[in-house]
C-alpha atoms as a PDB file:
ATOM      1  CA  MET A   1     101.054 -21.792  38.277  1.00  0.00           C
ATOM      2  CA  SER A   2      98.094 -23.171  39.838  1.00  0.00           C
ATOM      3  CA  VAL A   3      94.090 -21.522  38.777  1.00  0.00           C
ATOM      4  CA  PHE A   4      91.061 -21.721  41.782  1.00  0.00           C
ATOM      5  CA  SER A   5      87.961 -22.443  40.439  1.00  0.00           C
ATOM      6  CA  MET A   6      84.972 -22.654  43.122  1.00  0.00           C
ATOM      7  CA  THR A   7      82.163 -25.273  41.761  1.00  0.00           C
ATOM      8  CA  PRO A   8      79.046 -25.909  43.779  1.00  0.00           C
ATOM      9  CA  THR A   9      78.494 -29.468  43.264  1.00  0.00           C
ATOM     10  CA  CYS A  10      75.217 -31.257  44.225  1.00  0.00           C
ATOM     11  CA  VAL A  11      75.321 -34.653  46.018  1.00  0.00           C
ATOM     12  CA  GLY A  12      71.773 -35.727  47.098  1.00  0.00           C
ATOM     13  CA  LYS A  13      70.136 -33.574  49.818  1.00  0.00           C
ATOM     14  CA  SER A  14      73.614 -31.490  50.363  1.00  0.00           C
ATOM     15  CA  CYS A  15      75.199 -29.221  48.493  1.00  0.00           C
ATOM     16  CA  SER A  16      79.185 -27.785  48.871  1.00  0.00           C
ATOM     17  CA  ILE A  17      81.547 -26.122  46.867  1.00  0.00           C
ATOM     18  CA  LYS A  18      84.177 -27.490  45.862  1.00  0.00           C
ATOM     19  CA  PHE A  19      87.514 -25.419  44.927  1.00  0.00           C
ATOM     20  CA  LEU A  20      88.728 -26.921  42.110  1.00  0.00           C
ATOM     21  CA  ALA A  21      93.126 -26.634  41.368  1.00  0.00           C
ATOM     22  CA  THR A  22      93.663 -27.114  38.028  1.00  0.00           C
ATOM     23  CA  PRO A  23      98.353 -26.925  36.845  1.00  0.00           C
ATOM     24  CA  THR A  24      98.441 -24.487  33.686  1.00  0.00           C
ATOM     25  CA  LYS A  25     101.327 -23.987  31.682  1.00  0.00           C
ATOM     26  CA  LYS A  26     103.220 -21.304  32.979  1.00  0.00           C
ATOM     27  CA  ARG A  27     104.280 -19.377  29.546  1.00  0.00           C
ATOM     28  CA  ASN A  28     107.972 -18.266  28.453  1.00  0.00           C
ATOM     29  CA  VAL A  29     108.653 -14.530  27.682  1.00  0.00           C
ATOM     30  CA  TYR A  30     110.977 -16.852  25.068  1.00  0.00           C
ATOM     31  CA  GLU A  31     107.851 -19.100  23.577  1.00  0.00           C
ATOM     32  CA  GLY A  32     106.592 -15.372  22.853  1.00  0.00           C
ATOM     33  CA  ASP A  33     104.511 -14.138  25.754  1.00  0.00           C
ATOM     34  CA  ASN A  34     105.610 -10.677  27.076  1.00  0.00           C
ATOM     35  CA  GLN A  35     103.964  -8.340  29.258  1.00  0.00           C
ATOM     36  CA  ILE A  36     100.660  -7.638  27.125  1.00  0.00           C
ATOM     37  CA  GLY A  37     100.460 -11.582  28.228  1.00  0.00           C
ATOM     38  CA  GLU A  38     100.392 -11.751  31.058  1.00  0.00           C
ATOM     39  CA  LYS A  39      98.079  -9.864  32.028  1.00  0.00           C
ATOM     40  CA  LYS A  40      95.853 -11.595  29.482  1.00  0.00           C
ATOM     41  CA  ASN A  41      96.231 -14.801  30.894  1.00  0.00           C
ATOM     42  CA  LYS A  42      95.827 -12.943  34.950  1.00  0.00           C
ATOM     43  CA  TYR A  43      92.820 -11.244  33.877  1.00  0.00           C
ATOM     44  CA  SER A  44      90.858 -14.228  32.824  1.00  0.00           C
ATOM     45  CA  TYR A  45      91.668 -16.254  36.220  1.00  0.00           C
ATOM     46  CA  GLU A  46      89.782 -12.986  37.893  1.00  0.00           C
ATOM     47  CA  VAL A  47      87.165 -13.347  35.340  1.00  0.00           C
ATOM     48  CA  LYS A  48      86.665 -16.827  35.495  1.00  0.00           C
ATOM     49  CA  LEU A  49      86.934 -16.380  39.260  1.00  0.00           C
ATOM     50  CA  LEU A  50      83.851 -13.695  39.151  1.00  0.00           C
ATOM     51  CA  LYS A  51      82.078 -16.108  36.735  1.00  0.00           C
ATOM     52  CA  ASN A  52      82.250 -18.514  39.776  1.00  0.00           C
ATOM     53  CA  LEU A  53      82.003 -16.621  42.510  1.00  0.00           C
ATOM     54  CA  ALA A  54      78.471 -14.729  40.505  1.00  0.00           C
ATOM     55  CA  PRO A  55      75.274 -17.491  40.919  1.00  0.00           C
ATOM     56  CA  PRO A  56      76.053 -17.812  44.682  1.00  0.00           C
ATOM     57  CA  LEU A  57      76.608 -14.397  45.693  1.00  0.00           C
ATOM     58  CA  MET A  58      73.540 -13.323  43.698  1.00  0.00           C
ATOM     59  CA  THR A  59      71.856 -16.008  45.810  1.00  0.00           C
ATOM     60  CA  ALA A  60      72.762 -14.792  48.649  1.00  0.00           C
ATOM     61  CA  LEU A  61      71.723 -10.735  48.206  1.00  0.00           C
ATOM     62  CA  ILE A  62      67.793 -11.675  46.119  1.00  0.00           C
ATOM     63  CA  ALA A  63      67.775 -13.625  49.651  1.00  0.00           C
ATOM     64  CA  PHE A  64      68.342 -11.902  52.046  1.00  0.00           C
ATOM     65  CA  SER A  65      66.716  -8.544  49.679  1.00  0.00           C
ATOM     66  CA  PRO A  66      64.099  -6.562  51.080  1.00  0.00           C
ATOM     67  CA  ILE A  67      61.497  -6.938  48.471  1.00  0.00           C
ATOM     68  CA  VAL A  68      62.448 -10.916  48.867  1.00  0.00           C
ATOM     69  CA  ASN A  69      61.646 -10.791  52.880  1.00  0.00           C
ATOM     70  CA  PRO A  70      58.891  -7.766  53.107  1.00  0.00           C
ATOM     71  CA  PRO A  71      59.032  -6.839  56.725  1.00  0.00           C
ATOM     72  CA  VAL A  72      56.044  -6.683  57.762  1.00  0.00           C
ATOM     73  CA  SER A  73      54.448 -10.748  57.725  1.00  0.00           C
ATOM     74  CA  VAL A  74      51.532 -11.721  56.549  1.00  0.00           C
ATOM     75  CA  GLY A  75      49.922 -12.717  60.402  1.00  0.00           C
ATOM     76  CA  GLN A  76      49.775  -8.735  60.672  1.00  0.00           C
ATOM     77  CA  THR A  77      48.867  -8.097  58.308  1.00  0.00           C
ATOM     78  CA  ILE A  78      45.778  -8.811  59.182  1.00  0.00           C
ATOM     79  CA  ASP A  79      45.601  -8.285  62.501  1.00  0.00           C
ATOM     80  CA  VAL A  80      45.403  -4.658  61.569  1.00  0.00           C
ATOM     81  CA  GLN A  81      43.003  -5.817  59.147  1.00  0.00           C
ATOM     82  CA  LYS A  82      41.331  -6.727  61.776  1.00  0.00           C
ATOM     83  CA  GLY A  83      42.081  -3.930  64.015  1.00  0.00           C
ATOM     84  CA  ALA A  84      40.598  -0.990  61.482  1.00  0.00           C
ATOM     85  CA  ALA A  85      37.242  -4.060  61.910  1.00  0.00           C
ATOM     86  CA  LEU A  86      37.130  -3.354  64.590  1.00  0.00           C
ATOM     87  CA  PHE A  87      37.755  -0.160  65.095  1.00  0.00           C
ATOM     88  CA  ASN A  88      34.914   0.745  63.058  1.00  0.00           C
ATOM     89  CA  LYS A  89      32.939  -1.097  64.355  1.00  0.00           C
ATOM     90  CA  ALA A  90      33.550  -0.197  68.397  1.00  0.00           C
ATOM     91  CA  CYS A  91      35.510   3.273  68.681  1.00  0.00           C
ATOM     92  CA  ILE A  92      34.978   5.238  64.403  1.00  0.00           C
ATOM     93  CA  GLY A  93      32.247   7.134  65.812  1.00  0.00           C
ATOM     94  CA  CYS A  94      34.131   9.096  68.424  1.00  0.00           C
ATOM     95  CA  HIS A  95      37.372   8.833  67.483  1.00  0.00           C
ATOM     96  CA  TYR A  96      37.289   8.970  63.192  1.00  0.00           C
ATOM     97  CA  ALA A  97      41.493   9.717  61.638  1.00  0.00           C
ATOM     98  CA  GLY A  98      42.215   9.551  65.734  1.00  0.00           C
ATOM     99  CA  GLY A  99      40.403  12.086  66.630  1.00  0.00           C
ATOM    100  CA  ASN A 100      37.771  12.123  69.087  1.00  0.00           C
ATOM    101  CA  ILE A 101      33.949  14.281  68.876  1.00  0.00           C
ATOM    102  CA  ILE A 102      33.353  14.571  71.997  1.00  0.00           C
ATOM    103  CA  GLN A 103      36.303  15.451  74.141  1.00  0.00           C
ATOM    104  CA  PRO A 104      38.528  17.609  71.436  1.00  0.00           C
ATOM    105  CA  GLY A 105      42.212  16.869  74.010  1.00  0.00           C
ATOM    106  CA  ALA A 106      40.939  12.704  74.469  1.00  0.00           C
ATOM    107  CA  THR A 107      42.579  11.859  71.171  1.00  0.00           C
ATOM    108  CA  LEU A 108      44.315   8.748  69.934  1.00  0.00           C
ATOM    109  CA  PHE A 109      46.938  11.223  68.334  1.00  0.00           C
ATOM    110  CA  LEU A 110      50.750  10.527  70.828  1.00  0.00           C
ATOM    111  CA  LYS A 111      50.933  13.969  72.157  1.00  0.00           C
ATOM    112  CA  ASP A 112      47.080  13.396  74.065  1.00  0.00           C
ATOM    113  CA  LEU A 113      47.720  10.289  75.109  1.00  0.00           C
ATOM    114  CA  GLU A 114      51.107  10.710  75.998  1.00  0.00           C
ATOM    115  CA  ARG A 115      49.332  14.263  78.062  1.00  0.00           C
ATOM    116  CA  ASN A 116      46.834  11.721  79.000  1.00  0.00           C
ATOM    117  CA  GLY A 117      48.488   8.902  80.330  1.00  0.00           C
ATOM    118  CA  VAL A 118      47.176   5.983  78.202  1.00  0.00           C
ATOM    119  CA  ASP A 119      49.853   5.710  75.790  1.00  0.00           C
ATOM    120  CA  THR A 120      50.898   1.880  76.660  1.00  0.00           C
ATOM    121  CA  GLU A 121      48.284  -0.684  75.189  1.00  0.00           C
ATOM    122  CA  GLU A 122      48.113  -1.735  78.440  1.00  0.00           C
ATOM    123  CA  GLU A 123      46.763   1.764  79.814  1.00  0.00           C
ATOM    124  CA  ILE A 124      44.885   1.707  76.265  1.00  0.00           C
ATOM    125  CA  TYR A 125      43.550  -1.922  76.605  1.00  0.00           C
ATOM    126  CA  ARG A 126      42.161  -0.666  80.338  1.00  0.00           C
ATOM    127  CA  LEU A 127      40.360   1.951  79.358  1.00  0.00           C
ATOM    128  CA  THR A 128      38.997   0.313  76.529  1.00  0.00           C
ATOM    129  CA  TYR A 129      37.597  -2.360  78.642  1.00  0.00           C
ATOM    130  CA  TYR A 130      36.475  -0.597  81.572  1.00  0.00           C
ATOM    131  CA  GLY A 131      36.223   2.810  80.404  1.00  0.00           C
ATOM    132  CA  LYS A 132      36.378   6.731  81.886  1.00  0.00           C
ATOM    133  CA  GLY A 133      34.934   9.335  82.358  1.00  0.00           C
ATOM    134  CA  ARG A 134      32.760  10.422  78.659  1.00  0.00           C
ATOM    135  CA  MET A 135      33.838   6.783  76.894  1.00  0.00           C
ATOM    136  CA  PRO A 136      32.069   4.024  77.728  1.00  0.00           C
ATOM    137  CA  GLY A 137      34.101   0.353  78.540  1.00  0.00           C
ATOM    138  CA  PHE A 138      33.504  -2.473  75.937  1.00  0.00           C
ATOM    139  CA  GLY A 139      34.964  -4.705  78.152  1.00  0.00           C
ATOM    140  CA  GLN A 140      32.616  -7.894  79.222  1.00  0.00           C
ATOM    141  CA  ASN A 141      33.375  -7.489  82.890  1.00  0.00           C
ATOM    142  CA  CYS A 142      33.129  -3.922  82.693  1.00  0.00           C
ATOM    143  CA  THR A 143      31.670  -1.873  86.255  1.00  0.00           C
ATOM    144  CA  PRO A 144      29.854  -0.233  86.828  1.00  0.00           C
ATOM    145  CA  ARG A 145      27.030  -0.351  84.997  1.00  0.00           C
ATOM    146  CA  GLY A 146      26.839   3.213  83.912  1.00  0.00           C
ATOM    147  CA  GLN A 147      30.274   3.808  82.610  1.00  0.00           C
ATOM    148  CA  CYS A 148      29.587   0.456  80.481  1.00  0.00           C
ATOM    149  CA  THR A 149      28.338   0.557  76.268  1.00  0.00           C
ATOM    150  CA  PHE A 150      24.448  -0.301  76.293  1.00  0.00           C
ATOM    151  CA  GLY A 151      26.209  -2.285  72.721  1.00  0.00           C
ATOM    152  CA  PRO A 152      26.975  -5.189  71.959  1.00  0.00           C
ATOM    153  CA  ARG A 153      30.624  -5.954  74.652  1.00  0.00           C
ATOM    154  CA  LEU A 154      33.959  -7.174  72.952  1.00  0.00           C
ATOM    155  CA  GLN A 155      35.943 -10.732  73.722  1.00  0.00           C
ATOM    156  CA  ASP A 156      39.246 -10.215  76.172  1.00  0.00           C
ATOM    157  CA  ASP A 157      41.489 -10.667  72.507  1.00  0.00           C
ATOM    158  CA  GLU A 158      39.366  -8.673  70.341  1.00  0.00           C
ATOM    159  CA  ILE A 159      40.119  -5.528  72.934  1.00  0.00           C
ATOM    160  CA  LYS A 160      43.869  -6.777  72.787  1.00  0.00           C
ATOM    161  CA  LEU A 161      43.531  -6.576  69.130  1.00  0.00           C
ATOM    162  CA  LEU A 162      42.077  -2.701  68.984  1.00  0.00           C
ATOM    163  CA  ALA A 163      44.744  -1.601  71.894  1.00  0.00           C
ATOM    164  CA  GLU A 164      48.161  -3.257  69.867  1.00  0.00           C
ATOM    165  CA  PHE A 165      45.683  -1.400  66.531  1.00  0.00           C
ATOM    166  CA  VAL A 166      45.713   2.420  68.098  1.00  0.00           C
ATOM    167  CA  LYS A 167      49.237   2.193  69.916  1.00  0.00           C
ATOM    168  CA  SER A 168      50.672   1.533  65.911  1.00  0.00           C
ATOM    169  CA  GLN A 169      47.923   3.891  64.395  1.00  0.00           C
ATOM    170  CA  ALA A 170      49.146   5.984  67.179  1.00  0.00           C
ATOM    171  CA  ASP A 171      52.722   5.273  66.765  1.00  0.00           C
ATOM    172  CA  GLN A 172      52.561   6.334  63.359  1.00  0.00           C
ATOM    173  CA  GLY A 173      50.918   9.151  63.094  1.00  0.00           C
ATOM    174  CA  TRP A 174      46.796   8.100  62.476  1.00  0.00           C
ATOM    175  CA  PRO A 175      48.107   6.999  58.364  1.00  0.00           C
ATOM    176  CA  LYS A 176      45.006   6.408  56.089  1.00  0.00           C
ATOM    177  CA  ILE A 177      44.304   1.916  56.183  1.00  0.00           C
ATOM    178  CA  GLU A 178      42.740   0.460  54.154  1.00  0.00           C
ATOM    179  CA  ASN A 179      39.323  -2.165  55.304  1.00  0.00           C
ATOM    180  CA  SER A 180      37.895  -4.756  52.458  1.00  0.00           C
ATOM    181  CA  GLY A 181      35.702  -5.043  55.094  1.00  0.00           C
ATOM    182  CA  ASP A 182      33.853  -6.886  57.246  1.00  0.00           C
END
């Protein structure tokens, strides 16, 4: 009977797992072994196999764990913080927590965005850039002049980031975002 074991081996920069077959003496019932001895050998083999498989299995489990690989990247977190800072700078005066203090039916909650036809990032971008109704436009080339903000204008990439932030917040029901300050 042969016992197979897996052992990791690393030479230089490459690693592999080798399967080793080790011949073992087959015991005979006449030499004093009985059924219990045979079961013990079977369990011993299973324990050896488990001990050899445990390290690679644990490594794989840890590597694919959500604790080690968080679903949100650092770049996405930074974008959310930048979006929150832009929102606090340009929008929070009228749209505190996604609401609207000027027009109650024009909130930034998903149901109102959908009802008003502004439920995509592109539409949010367009509305933020050019404005509409009582909402002023914040784009660099916003026209007509009376529709645009009298305050500072936003760059195109800032409006894009702001539109992404508003859409993601609307999809989540406007959870509270902590802002580290700007």
